Structures are given as structure tokens and as C-alpha cells.
N, C-alpha and C. Protein backbone atom coordinates (compact mmCIF):
# COMPACT_ATOMS: atom_id res chain seq x y z
N MET A 1 -69.17 66.41 -8.16
CA MET A 1 -69.59 66.01 -9.25
C MET A 1 -68.15 65.32 -10.13
N ALA A 2 -68.07 64.14 -10.72
CA ALA A 2 -67.07 63.90 -11.39
C ALA A 2 -66.99 64.89 -12.51
N ASN A 3 -65.20 64.97 -12.97
CA ASN A 3 -65.44 66.03 -14.38
C ASN A 3 -66.01 64.93 -15.37
N ASP A 4 -66.96 64.58 -16.45
CA ASP A 4 -66.67 64.13 -17.09
C ASP A 4 -66.47 64.50 -18.60
N GLY A 5 -65.79 65.81 -18.43
CA GLY A 5 -65.07 66.01 -19.57
C GLY A 5 -66.20 66.75 -21.01
N ARG A 6 -67.42 66.71 -20.50
CA ARG A 6 -67.97 67.40 -21.87
C ARG A 6 -67.86 69.27 -21.97
N TRP A 7 -67.65 69.80 -20.66
CA TRP A 7 -67.72 71.01 -20.38
C TRP A 7 -66.29 71.45 -21.23
N ALA A 8 -65.33 70.77 -20.52
CA ALA A 8 -64.14 70.86 -20.78
C ALA A 8 -63.72 71.16 -22.28
N GLY A 9 -64.11 70.03 -22.93
CA GLY A 9 -64.50 69.06 -24.51
C GLY A 9 -65.09 70.41 -25.63
N LEU A 10 -66.15 70.74 -24.84
CA LEU A 10 -67.05 71.67 -25.55
C LEU A 10 -66.71 73.34 -24.93
N ALA A 11 -65.86 73.86 -24.80
CA ALA A 11 -65.42 74.84 -24.10
C ALA A 11 -65.38 75.98 -25.36
N SER A 12 -64.38 75.66 -26.05
CA SER A 12 -64.00 76.75 -27.26
C SER A 12 -65.00 76.52 -28.24
N ALA A 13 -65.80 75.50 -28.63
CA ALA A 13 -67.22 75.94 -29.63
C ALA A 13 -68.01 76.75 -28.57
N ALA A 14 -68.37 75.98 -27.47
CA ALA A 14 -69.47 77.15 -26.63
C ALA A 14 -69.66 78.69 -26.57
N VAL A 15 -68.26 78.87 -26.30
CA VAL A 15 -67.92 80.12 -26.41
C VAL A 15 -68.06 80.41 -27.36
N ALA A 16 -67.53 80.34 -28.23
CA ALA A 16 -67.67 81.11 -30.04
C ALA A 16 -69.14 81.07 -30.61
N ALA A 17 -69.71 80.20 -30.13
CA ALA A 17 -71.38 80.72 -30.38
C ALA A 17 -72.20 81.25 -29.48
N LEU A 18 -71.77 81.44 -27.83
CA LEU A 18 -72.00 82.16 -27.16
C LEU A 18 -71.76 83.75 -27.26
N TRP A 19 -70.50 84.01 -28.05
CA TRP A 19 -70.08 85.22 -28.26
C TRP A 19 -70.83 85.41 -29.51
N ILE A 20 -71.14 84.63 -30.29
CA ILE A 20 -71.39 85.38 -31.36
C ILE A 20 -72.97 85.81 -31.44
N ALA A 21 -73.61 84.93 -30.44
CA ALA A 21 -75.34 85.44 -30.23
C ALA A 21 -75.05 86.47 -29.32
N ILE A 22 -74.14 86.89 -28.44
CA ILE A 22 -74.37 88.01 -27.74
C ILE A 22 -74.02 89.07 -28.41
N ALA A 23 -73.42 88.96 -29.30
CA ALA A 23 -72.88 89.79 -30.57
C ALA A 23 -74.24 90.36 -31.36
N ALA A 24 -75.07 89.35 -31.60
CA ALA A 24 -76.31 89.82 -32.47
C ALA A 24 -77.24 89.93 -31.88
N GLY A 25 -76.96 90.05 -30.22
CA GLY A 25 -78.35 90.46 -29.21
C GLY A 25 -79.17 89.40 -29.22
N ALA A 26 -78.67 87.95 -29.67
CA ALA A 26 -80.10 87.13 -29.51
C ALA A 26 -79.74 86.53 -28.15
N ALA A 27 -78.34 86.62 -27.37
CA ALA A 27 -78.44 86.55 -25.74
C ALA A 27 -77.52 87.56 -24.62
N PRO A 28 -78.42 87.72 -23.90
CA PRO A 28 -77.42 88.76 -23.09
C PRO A 28 -76.32 88.83 -22.36
N ALA A 29 -75.22 89.47 -22.40
CA ALA A 29 -73.92 89.43 -21.92
C ALA A 29 -73.82 88.38 -20.85
N SER A 30 -74.97 88.09 -19.88
CA SER A 30 -74.62 87.31 -18.59
C SER A 30 -74.78 86.18 -18.80
N ALA A 31 -75.18 85.95 -20.30
CA ALA A 31 -75.36 84.20 -20.93
C ALA A 31 -74.15 83.68 -21.08
N GLY A 32 -74.46 81.75 -20.40
CA GLY A 32 -73.24 81.01 -20.09
C GLY A 32 -73.26 81.20 -18.89
N PRO A 33 -72.88 80.35 -18.25
CA PRO A 33 -72.59 79.62 -16.92
C PRO A 33 -71.56 80.78 -16.27
N THR A 34 -71.51 80.99 -14.78
CA THR A 34 -70.90 81.84 -14.01
C THR A 34 -69.81 80.75 -13.79
N PRO A 35 -68.80 81.50 -13.14
CA PRO A 35 -67.42 80.63 -12.74
C PRO A 35 -68.14 79.42 -11.87
N GLU A 36 -68.70 80.12 -11.08
CA GLU A 36 -69.49 78.58 -9.74
C GLU A 36 -69.54 77.69 -10.56
N GLU A 37 -70.60 78.43 -11.12
CA GLU A 37 -71.31 77.05 -11.92
C GLU A 37 -70.46 75.68 -13.31
N TYR A 38 -69.48 76.80 -13.38
CA TYR A 38 -68.52 76.03 -14.27
C TYR A 38 -67.77 75.05 -13.31
N VAL A 39 -67.30 75.30 -12.31
CA VAL A 39 -66.60 74.70 -10.90
C VAL A 39 -67.45 73.31 -10.79
N ALA A 40 -68.76 73.83 -10.14
CA ALA A 40 -69.57 72.98 -9.71
C ALA A 40 -69.66 71.52 -10.98
N HIS A 41 -69.71 71.79 -12.52
CA HIS A 41 -70.04 71.55 -13.55
C HIS A 41 -68.93 70.35 -13.47
N VAL A 42 -67.46 70.60 -13.44
CA VAL A 42 -66.55 70.25 -14.08
C VAL A 42 -65.95 69.41 -12.45
N GLY A 43 -66.07 70.15 -11.77
CA GLY A 43 -65.72 69.16 -10.37
C GLY A 43 -64.43 68.93 -10.16
N GLY A 44 -63.79 67.53 -10.01
CA GLY A 44 -62.57 67.69 -9.95
C GLY A 44 -61.43 68.74 -8.72
N ASP A 45 -60.52 68.77 -9.56
CA ASP A 45 -59.75 70.23 -8.54
C ASP A 45 -59.96 71.35 -9.29
N ALA A 46 -60.89 71.76 -9.83
CA ALA A 46 -61.05 73.09 -10.74
C ALA A 46 -61.51 74.09 -9.67
N LYS A 47 -60.81 75.10 -9.75
CA LYS A 47 -61.21 76.12 -8.42
C LYS A 47 -61.40 77.62 -9.30
N ILE A 48 -61.91 79.15 -8.72
CA ILE A 48 -61.80 80.38 -9.11
C ILE A 48 -60.68 80.59 -8.26
N VAL A 49 -60.20 81.97 -9.04
CA VAL A 49 -59.01 82.86 -8.42
C VAL A 49 -59.61 83.85 -8.49
N GLU A 50 -59.36 84.60 -7.93
CA GLU A 50 -60.35 86.11 -7.68
C GLU A 50 -59.36 86.93 -8.65
N PRO A 51 -60.02 87.92 -9.60
CA PRO A 51 -59.43 88.89 -10.20
C PRO A 51 -58.12 89.55 -9.75
N GLY A 52 -57.05 89.17 -10.20
CA GLY A 52 -55.81 89.83 -9.72
C GLY A 52 -55.10 88.52 -9.08
N GLY A 53 -55.56 87.82 -8.99
CA GLY A 53 -54.83 86.63 -8.56
C GLY A 53 -54.30 85.55 -8.54
N VAL A 54 -54.34 85.58 -10.07
CA VAL A 54 -53.34 84.70 -10.98
C VAL A 54 -52.16 85.14 -10.86
N LYS A 55 -51.15 83.88 -10.94
CA LYS A 55 -50.15 84.36 -10.64
C LYS A 55 -48.96 83.33 -11.62
N LEU A 56 -48.38 83.63 -12.80
CA LEU A 56 -47.67 83.23 -13.87
C LEU A 56 -46.07 83.20 -12.89
N ASP A 57 -45.51 82.47 -12.86
CA ASP A 57 -43.91 82.22 -12.66
C ASP A 57 -44.03 82.99 -11.93
N GLY A 58 -44.51 83.96 -10.91
CA GLY A 58 -44.21 84.91 -10.25
C GLY A 58 -44.90 86.30 -10.67
N TYR A 59 -45.13 86.42 -11.64
CA TYR A 59 -45.99 87.82 -12.56
C TYR A 59 -47.16 87.50 -11.77
N ARG A 60 -48.11 88.72 -11.42
CA ARG A 60 -49.62 88.53 -11.16
C ARG A 60 -49.90 89.01 -12.57
N MET A 61 -51.21 88.11 -13.12
CA MET A 61 -52.26 88.82 -14.08
C MET A 61 -53.36 89.24 -13.79
N THR A 62 -53.98 90.24 -14.60
CA THR A 62 -55.37 91.02 -14.35
C THR A 62 -55.93 90.65 -15.59
N CYS A 63 -57.33 90.58 -15.46
CA CYS A 63 -57.95 90.64 -16.53
C CYS A 63 -59.20 91.35 -16.32
N GLY A 64 -58.86 92.72 -16.03
CA GLY A 64 -60.04 93.34 -15.33
C GLY A 64 -60.47 93.34 -13.85
N GLN A 65 -61.28 92.76 -13.73
CA GLN A 65 -62.30 92.56 -12.83
C GLN A 65 -63.03 91.00 -12.69
N ARG A 66 -62.36 90.74 -14.15
CA ARG A 66 -62.42 89.02 -14.17
C ARG A 66 -61.89 88.11 -13.16
N PRO A 67 -62.96 87.12 -12.75
CA PRO A 67 -61.69 85.85 -12.09
C PRO A 67 -61.86 84.87 -13.39
N THR A 68 -60.52 83.95 -12.61
CA THR A 68 -59.67 83.30 -13.95
C THR A 68 -60.27 81.67 -12.81
N VAL A 69 -60.86 80.71 -13.88
CA VAL A 69 -61.29 79.25 -13.42
C VAL A 69 -59.23 78.30 -13.62
N MET A 70 -58.86 77.93 -12.88
CA MET A 70 -58.14 76.94 -13.15
C MET A 70 -58.93 75.61 -13.13
N ASP A 71 -58.28 75.35 -14.04
CA ASP A 71 -58.92 73.45 -14.52
C ASP A 71 -58.10 72.50 -15.44
N ASN A 72 -57.62 71.58 -14.59
CA ASN A 72 -56.13 70.85 -14.76
C ASN A 72 -57.16 69.87 -15.74
N GLN A 73 -58.23 70.08 -15.97
CA GLN A 73 -59.29 68.93 -17.33
C GLN A 73 -59.69 69.30 -18.47
N LEU A 74 -59.10 71.19 -18.45
CA LEU A 74 -59.65 71.66 -19.30
C LEU A 74 -58.62 70.64 -20.50
N ASP A 75 -59.48 70.60 -22.35
CA ASP A 75 -58.78 70.32 -23.18
C ASP A 75 -57.58 71.11 -23.98
N ASP A 76 -57.45 72.04 -23.41
CA ASP A 76 -57.06 72.92 -23.92
C ASP A 76 -55.63 73.78 -22.87
N TYR A 77 -55.12 74.78 -23.68
CA TYR A 77 -54.10 75.56 -22.48
C TYR A 77 -54.88 76.84 -21.89
N GLY A 78 -55.86 77.20 -22.42
CA GLY A 78 -56.58 77.78 -21.74
C GLY A 78 -58.17 78.45 -22.64
N ALA A 79 -59.43 78.83 -22.25
CA ALA A 79 -60.67 79.46 -22.82
C ALA A 79 -61.29 80.30 -22.04
N ALA A 80 -62.21 81.14 -22.51
CA ALA A 80 -63.07 82.08 -22.26
C ALA A 80 -64.18 81.94 -22.01
N TYR A 81 -65.22 82.44 -20.86
CA TYR A 81 -66.06 82.10 -21.26
C TYR A 81 -66.84 84.06 -21.11
N PRO A 82 -67.95 84.58 -21.21
CA PRO A 82 -68.07 85.69 -20.71
C PRO A 82 -68.06 86.03 -19.71
N GLY A 83 -67.21 86.79 -19.33
CA GLY A 83 -67.07 87.15 -17.88
C GLY A 83 -66.16 86.57 -17.04
N PHE A 84 -65.19 85.49 -17.15
CA PHE A 84 -64.33 84.29 -16.56
C PHE A 84 -63.36 83.84 -17.81
N LEU A 85 -62.17 83.68 -16.87
CA LEU A 85 -61.20 82.95 -18.34
C LEU A 85 -60.91 81.50 -17.68
N ILE A 86 -60.51 80.59 -18.29
CA ILE A 86 -59.88 79.59 -17.72
C ILE A 86 -58.66 78.98 -17.99
N LEU A 87 -58.07 78.35 -17.39
CA LEU A 87 -56.73 77.93 -17.36
C LEU A 87 -56.11 76.97 -17.36
N ASN A 88 -55.99 75.85 -18.03
CA ASN A 88 -55.10 74.42 -17.28
C ASN A 88 -53.59 74.80 -17.13
N PRO A 89 -53.78 74.68 -15.54
CA PRO A 89 -52.38 74.78 -15.31
C PRO A 89 -51.29 73.32 -15.56
N ARG A 90 -51.89 72.57 -15.48
CA ARG A 90 -51.50 71.38 -16.21
C ARG A 90 -50.46 71.45 -17.06
N LEU A 91 -51.27 72.38 -18.01
CA LEU A 91 -50.80 72.38 -19.67
C LEU A 91 -49.58 73.53 -19.72
N MET A 92 -50.23 74.60 -18.96
CA MET A 92 -48.87 75.76 -18.84
C MET A 92 -47.92 75.79 -17.99
N SER A 93 -47.73 74.78 -17.51
CA SER A 93 -46.57 74.51 -16.86
C SER A 93 -45.43 73.49 -17.43
N LYS A 94 -46.16 73.40 -18.56
CA LYS A 94 -44.63 73.14 -19.57
C LYS A 94 -44.44 73.98 -20.64
N VAL A 95 -45.10 75.33 -20.67
CA VAL A 95 -44.28 76.21 -21.83
C VAL A 95 -43.82 77.71 -20.99
N PRO A 96 -42.82 77.71 -21.52
CA PRO A 96 -42.27 79.61 -21.34
C PRO A 96 -42.82 80.34 -20.80
N THR A 97 -42.26 81.50 -19.67
CA THR A 97 -42.88 82.39 -19.12
C THR A 97 -44.05 83.19 -19.84
N VAL A 98 -43.17 83.64 -20.97
CA VAL A 98 -43.95 84.64 -22.49
C VAL A 98 -44.86 83.90 -22.83
N VAL A 99 -45.10 83.07 -23.43
CA VAL A 99 -46.00 81.94 -23.51
C VAL A 99 -47.64 81.48 -22.63
N LYS A 100 -46.96 81.62 -21.27
CA LYS A 100 -48.33 81.41 -20.41
C LYS A 100 -48.67 82.93 -20.17
N LYS A 101 -48.02 83.63 -20.49
CA LYS A 101 -48.47 85.19 -20.39
C LYS A 101 -49.27 85.64 -21.65
N TRP A 102 -48.81 85.17 -22.67
CA TRP A 102 -49.84 85.52 -23.88
C TRP A 102 -50.98 84.73 -23.93
N ILE A 103 -51.10 83.31 -23.34
CA ILE A 103 -52.07 82.39 -23.33
C ILE A 103 -53.20 83.52 -22.57
N PHE A 104 -52.79 83.93 -21.89
CA PHE A 104 -53.80 84.56 -20.42
C PHE A 104 -54.07 85.44 -21.04
N ALA A 105 -53.66 86.33 -21.86
CA ALA A 105 -53.86 87.88 -22.14
C ALA A 105 -54.71 87.26 -23.64
N HIS A 106 -53.91 86.27 -24.32
CA HIS A 106 -55.01 85.92 -25.37
C HIS A 106 -56.69 85.82 -25.17
N GLU A 107 -56.53 85.39 -23.51
CA GLU A 107 -57.98 84.72 -23.61
C GLU A 107 -58.84 85.84 -22.95
N CYS A 108 -57.86 86.90 -22.12
CA CYS A 108 -58.37 88.04 -21.95
C CYS A 108 -58.79 89.20 -22.88
N GLY A 109 -58.45 88.70 -24.19
CA GLY A 109 -58.82 89.77 -25.32
C GLY A 109 -60.26 89.02 -25.55
N HIS A 110 -60.14 87.45 -25.36
CA HIS A 110 -62.19 87.50 -25.69
C HIS A 110 -63.19 88.35 -25.01
N GLN A 111 -62.48 88.51 -23.65
CA GLN A 111 -63.54 89.47 -22.72
C GLN A 111 -63.68 90.62 -23.25
N PHE A 112 -62.84 90.89 -23.79
CA PHE A 112 -62.52 92.87 -24.48
C PHE A 112 -63.14 93.13 -25.90
N ARG A 113 -62.59 91.98 -26.68
CA ARG A 113 -62.95 92.12 -28.24
C ARG A 113 -64.41 91.01 -28.71
N GLY A 114 -64.29 89.93 -27.52
CA GLY A 114 -65.49 89.11 -28.53
C GLY A 114 -64.60 87.42 -29.01
N PRO A 115 -65.27 86.96 -29.63
CA PRO A 115 -64.76 85.74 -29.93
C PRO A 115 -63.81 85.34 -31.19
N ASP A 116 -63.46 86.20 -31.77
CA ASP A 116 -62.50 85.91 -32.83
C ASP A 116 -61.02 85.88 -32.51
N GLU A 117 -60.49 85.12 -33.60
CA GLU A 117 -59.25 84.58 -32.50
C GLU A 117 -58.28 85.13 -33.02
N GLU A 118 -58.12 86.21 -34.62
CA GLU A 118 -57.13 86.77 -34.24
C GLU A 118 -57.02 88.18 -33.82
N THR A 119 -58.48 88.57 -33.50
CA THR A 119 -58.51 89.57 -32.67
C THR A 119 -57.85 89.81 -31.55
N ALA A 120 -58.20 88.40 -31.01
CA ALA A 120 -57.81 88.04 -29.71
C ALA A 120 -55.96 87.95 -29.55
N ASP A 121 -55.76 87.60 -30.86
CA ASP A 121 -53.87 87.55 -30.51
C ASP A 121 -53.34 88.53 -30.54
N CYS A 122 -54.14 89.65 -31.51
CA CYS A 122 -53.31 90.99 -31.80
C CYS A 122 -53.74 91.67 -30.37
N PHE A 123 -54.51 91.33 -29.78
CA PHE A 123 -54.99 92.27 -27.98
C PHE A 123 -53.77 91.78 -27.52
N ALA A 124 -53.76 90.25 -27.32
CA ALA A 124 -52.60 89.79 -26.27
C ALA A 124 -51.15 90.05 -26.76
N VAL A 125 -50.85 90.36 -28.00
CA VAL A 125 -49.15 90.73 -28.45
C VAL A 125 -49.52 92.27 -27.98
N GLN A 126 -50.34 93.12 -28.53
CA GLN A 126 -49.79 94.82 -27.96
C GLN A 126 -50.13 94.89 -26.60
N ARG A 127 -50.59 93.88 -25.65
CA ARG A 127 -51.13 93.87 -24.24
C ARG A 127 -49.63 94.03 -23.90
N GLY A 128 -48.97 92.85 -24.47
CA GLY A 128 -47.59 92.43 -23.92
C GLY A 128 -46.65 93.50 -24.07
N ARG A 129 -46.78 94.08 -25.67
CA ARG A 129 -45.67 95.44 -25.82
C ARG A 129 -45.71 96.62 -24.64
N ARG A 130 -47.34 96.45 -25.08
CA ARG A 130 -47.88 97.65 -23.83
C ARG A 130 -46.91 97.77 -22.70
N GLN A 131 -47.30 95.84 -21.66
CA GLN A 131 -47.12 96.10 -20.29
C GLN A 131 -45.37 96.18 -20.44
N GLY A 132 -44.98 95.57 -21.28
CA GLY A 132 -43.13 95.65 -21.32
C GLY A 132 -42.76 94.14 -21.05
N TRP A 133 -43.87 93.17 -21.46
CA TRP A 133 -43.42 91.80 -21.01
C TRP A 133 -42.96 91.24 -22.22
N LEU A 134 -43.59 91.81 -23.51
CA LEU A 134 -43.32 90.95 -24.59
C LEU A 134 -42.22 92.18 -25.97
N ASP A 135 -41.34 91.33 -26.00
CA ASP A 135 -40.52 91.83 -26.78
C ASP A 135 -39.88 90.74 -28.10
N GLU A 136 -39.73 91.48 -29.10
CA GLU A 136 -39.13 90.52 -30.70
C GLU A 136 -38.95 88.91 -30.15
N ALA A 137 -37.97 88.62 -29.37
CA ALA A 137 -37.64 87.42 -28.85
C ALA A 137 -38.82 86.77 -28.00
N GLY A 138 -39.46 87.14 -27.10
CA GLY A 138 -40.73 86.61 -26.70
C GLY A 138 -42.10 86.16 -27.87
N LEU A 139 -41.84 87.14 -28.88
CA LEU A 139 -43.17 86.74 -29.63
C LEU A 139 -42.43 85.60 -30.91
N ASP A 140 -41.04 85.73 -30.90
CA ASP A 140 -40.33 84.28 -31.54
C ASP A 140 -40.76 83.03 -30.65
N GLU A 141 -40.87 83.28 -29.31
CA GLU A 141 -41.42 82.00 -28.57
C GLU A 141 -42.63 81.47 -28.52
N ILE A 142 -43.68 82.86 -28.99
CA ILE A 142 -45.35 82.46 -29.15
C ILE A 142 -45.15 82.07 -30.52
N CYS A 143 -44.67 82.29 -31.56
CA CYS A 143 -44.52 81.65 -32.76
C CYS A 143 -44.01 80.44 -33.08
N LYS A 144 -42.96 79.88 -32.18
CA LYS A 144 -42.48 78.97 -32.26
C LYS A 144 -43.17 77.65 -31.42
N PHE A 145 -43.99 78.34 -30.33
CA PHE A 145 -45.40 77.34 -29.90
C PHE A 145 -46.13 77.17 -30.33
N ILE A 146 -47.23 78.45 -31.27
CA ILE A 146 -47.96 78.06 -31.99
C ILE A 146 -47.64 77.67 -33.55
N SER A 147 -46.59 77.70 -33.80
CA SER A 147 -46.88 77.69 -35.58
C SER A 147 -46.81 76.24 -35.82
N PRO A 148 -46.46 74.90 -35.07
CA PRO A 148 -47.28 73.74 -35.69
C PRO A 148 -48.47 73.64 -35.61
N ALA A 149 -49.39 74.36 -34.65
CA ALA A 149 -51.03 73.93 -35.13
C ALA A 149 -51.66 74.29 -36.47
N LYS A 150 -52.55 73.39 -36.25
CA LYS A 150 -53.28 73.27 -37.76
C LYS A 150 -54.27 73.89 -37.35
N GLY A 151 -55.18 74.26 -38.50
CA GLY A 151 -55.96 75.42 -38.24
C GLY A 151 -57.62 74.52 -38.44
N ASP A 152 -58.36 74.88 -37.74
CA ASP A 152 -59.61 73.99 -37.53
C ASP A 152 -61.02 75.14 -37.70
N SER A 153 -62.00 74.97 -37.67
CA SER A 153 -63.18 75.43 -37.52
C SER A 153 -63.04 77.21 -37.21
N MET A 154 -62.52 77.00 -35.87
CA MET A 154 -62.46 78.18 -34.70
C MET A 154 -60.85 79.05 -35.43
N HIS A 155 -59.79 78.08 -35.72
CA HIS A 155 -58.67 78.89 -35.59
C HIS A 155 -58.04 78.84 -37.09
N PHE A 156 -57.15 80.03 -37.38
CA PHE A 156 -56.31 79.61 -38.61
C PHE A 156 -55.30 78.64 -38.02
N SER A 157 -54.42 78.76 -39.04
CA SER A 157 -52.77 78.12 -38.54
C SER A 157 -51.75 78.45 -37.91
N GLY A 158 -51.14 77.85 -37.55
CA GLY A 158 -50.50 78.66 -36.62
C GLY A 158 -49.51 79.84 -37.27
N SER A 159 -49.16 78.97 -38.05
CA SER A 159 -48.28 80.24 -38.76
C SER A 159 -48.45 81.39 -39.44
N HIS A 160 -49.99 81.04 -39.85
CA HIS A 160 -51.07 82.44 -40.19
C HIS A 160 -51.61 83.61 -38.98
N ARG A 161 -51.95 83.04 -37.88
CA ARG A 161 -51.33 83.20 -36.64
C ARG A 161 -50.67 83.93 -36.05
N CYS A 162 -49.68 83.57 -36.58
CA CYS A 162 -48.23 83.97 -35.83
C CYS A 162 -47.55 85.12 -37.12
N GLN A 163 -48.08 85.20 -38.59
CA GLN A 163 -47.87 85.88 -39.10
C GLN A 163 -48.82 87.57 -38.70
N ILE A 164 -49.95 87.27 -38.50
CA ILE A 164 -50.91 88.46 -38.08
C ILE A 164 -50.35 89.18 -36.98
N MET A 165 -49.82 88.40 -35.76
CA MET A 165 -49.63 88.47 -34.42
C MET A 165 -48.13 89.92 -34.95
N ARG A 166 -47.48 89.49 -35.71
CA ARG A 166 -46.20 89.90 -36.06
C ARG A 166 -46.66 91.43 -36.16
N GLN A 167 -47.65 91.03 -37.25
CA GLN A 167 -48.08 92.54 -37.62
C GLN A 167 -48.63 93.40 -36.90
N CYS A 168 -49.71 92.82 -35.65
CA CYS A 168 -50.43 93.50 -34.79
C CYS A 168 -49.10 94.18 -33.98
N TYR A 169 -48.05 92.97 -33.41
CA TYR A 169 -46.57 93.53 -32.79
C TYR A 169 -46.15 95.03 -33.40
N ALA A 170 -45.79 95.00 -34.87
CA ALA A 170 -45.18 96.31 -34.98
C ALA A 170 -46.19 97.39 -35.57
N ASP A 171 -47.20 97.12 -35.21
CA ASP A 171 -48.35 98.83 -34.86
C ASP A 171 -47.28 99.63 -34.59
N PRO A 172 -47.15 101.02 -35.15
CA PRO A 172 -46.66 101.79 -34.74
C PRO A 172 -47.31 102.76 -33.76
N THR A 173 -48.62 102.27 -33.83
CA THR A 173 -49.24 103.35 -32.59
C THR A 173 -49.93 103.04 -31.34
N ILE A 174 -48.90 101.70 -31.30
CA ILE A 174 -49.05 100.92 -30.05
C ILE A 174 -48.23 101.16 -29.38
N LYS A 175 -48.02 101.92 -28.24
CA LYS A 175 -47.58 102.81 -27.12
C LYS A 175 -47.60 101.86 -25.56
């Protein structure tokens, strides 16, 4: 089936609505497409990478036991449905390694913390700090990447998100 763009274009909004329904108890945690259903729907060269199989510039990335779908037609760098992550390798190839890792960790944050973007941002920078791949220079790179972003119905502006991430990174309880 050819990729008609509908799933890629609606992924972010649909995921947020699904997470909200799950949190409210209106939908089971297994709601939404499976990775196999997603790949079958979008078609093209989308493929599933098993948990622990994602490598970003030689670094193995994991998000528990969740697989990652690689989808060059996704309309963003990454997205998440309950149970799996989605990355756009075409877009990811254009950003520095630390930004790639942050994007992956951000989407992983949705798996563990739900739909809130600030919470996923905080999860990502704290994970990066704990795992040793994020330092202040790396956070500067992430902020340089995200700061131009305008706010929308699901995201604060990039500069606001950067400010919150700096606070999360500086949290003295993170070791």
C-alpha cells in the first residue's frame, strides 16, 4: 500500500489523543495500531527495528522492550504510539548525534510518562545526563536545534522548552 500521508500527518495529534484517553481510562493501554499495523498502513520503506536494535551514529539506543519503526515518510523527526516509537531516518540524518539521541529519548519518554511534551523533554535530558551522553554542550546543541520552533497546540515554543529542559538538566537529584 502506498503511503497516503494520513498516518504520518496525524501521528502527533492522534498519539496525544490516545494517550489522554488511556490516562483517563477511556481506552486500554493496548489501544492504537501495533507496529505491524502501522508499517502495513504507511507502506513504503517503513520497517520495524526490534528493541535494542536502533543505532544512532553507532550508539545503541533502547526504550525498554519497545520496538522502533523507521519511517522516512513521517512528517517529523520522531513520534510515539503506545508500545512503540517512530523515527524518520531521513530527517534524523540531518542533525547532530546528541540531538538524535535526545529525539529518541524524548519519544521514549512518552512511553514511560505519557503525552505531555515538557515531561518527555525532561525525561530525555535527565536520561541523557544519567547515561552520560548529555553534557551542557550537548544541551546547548539541543537548544540550538529546538529554539526556532514555534509553539502549537501540543508544544510550547522551542525557547520555552529549552528553558524547562535546562531546569530539568540542573536538577540536583539526578545522578
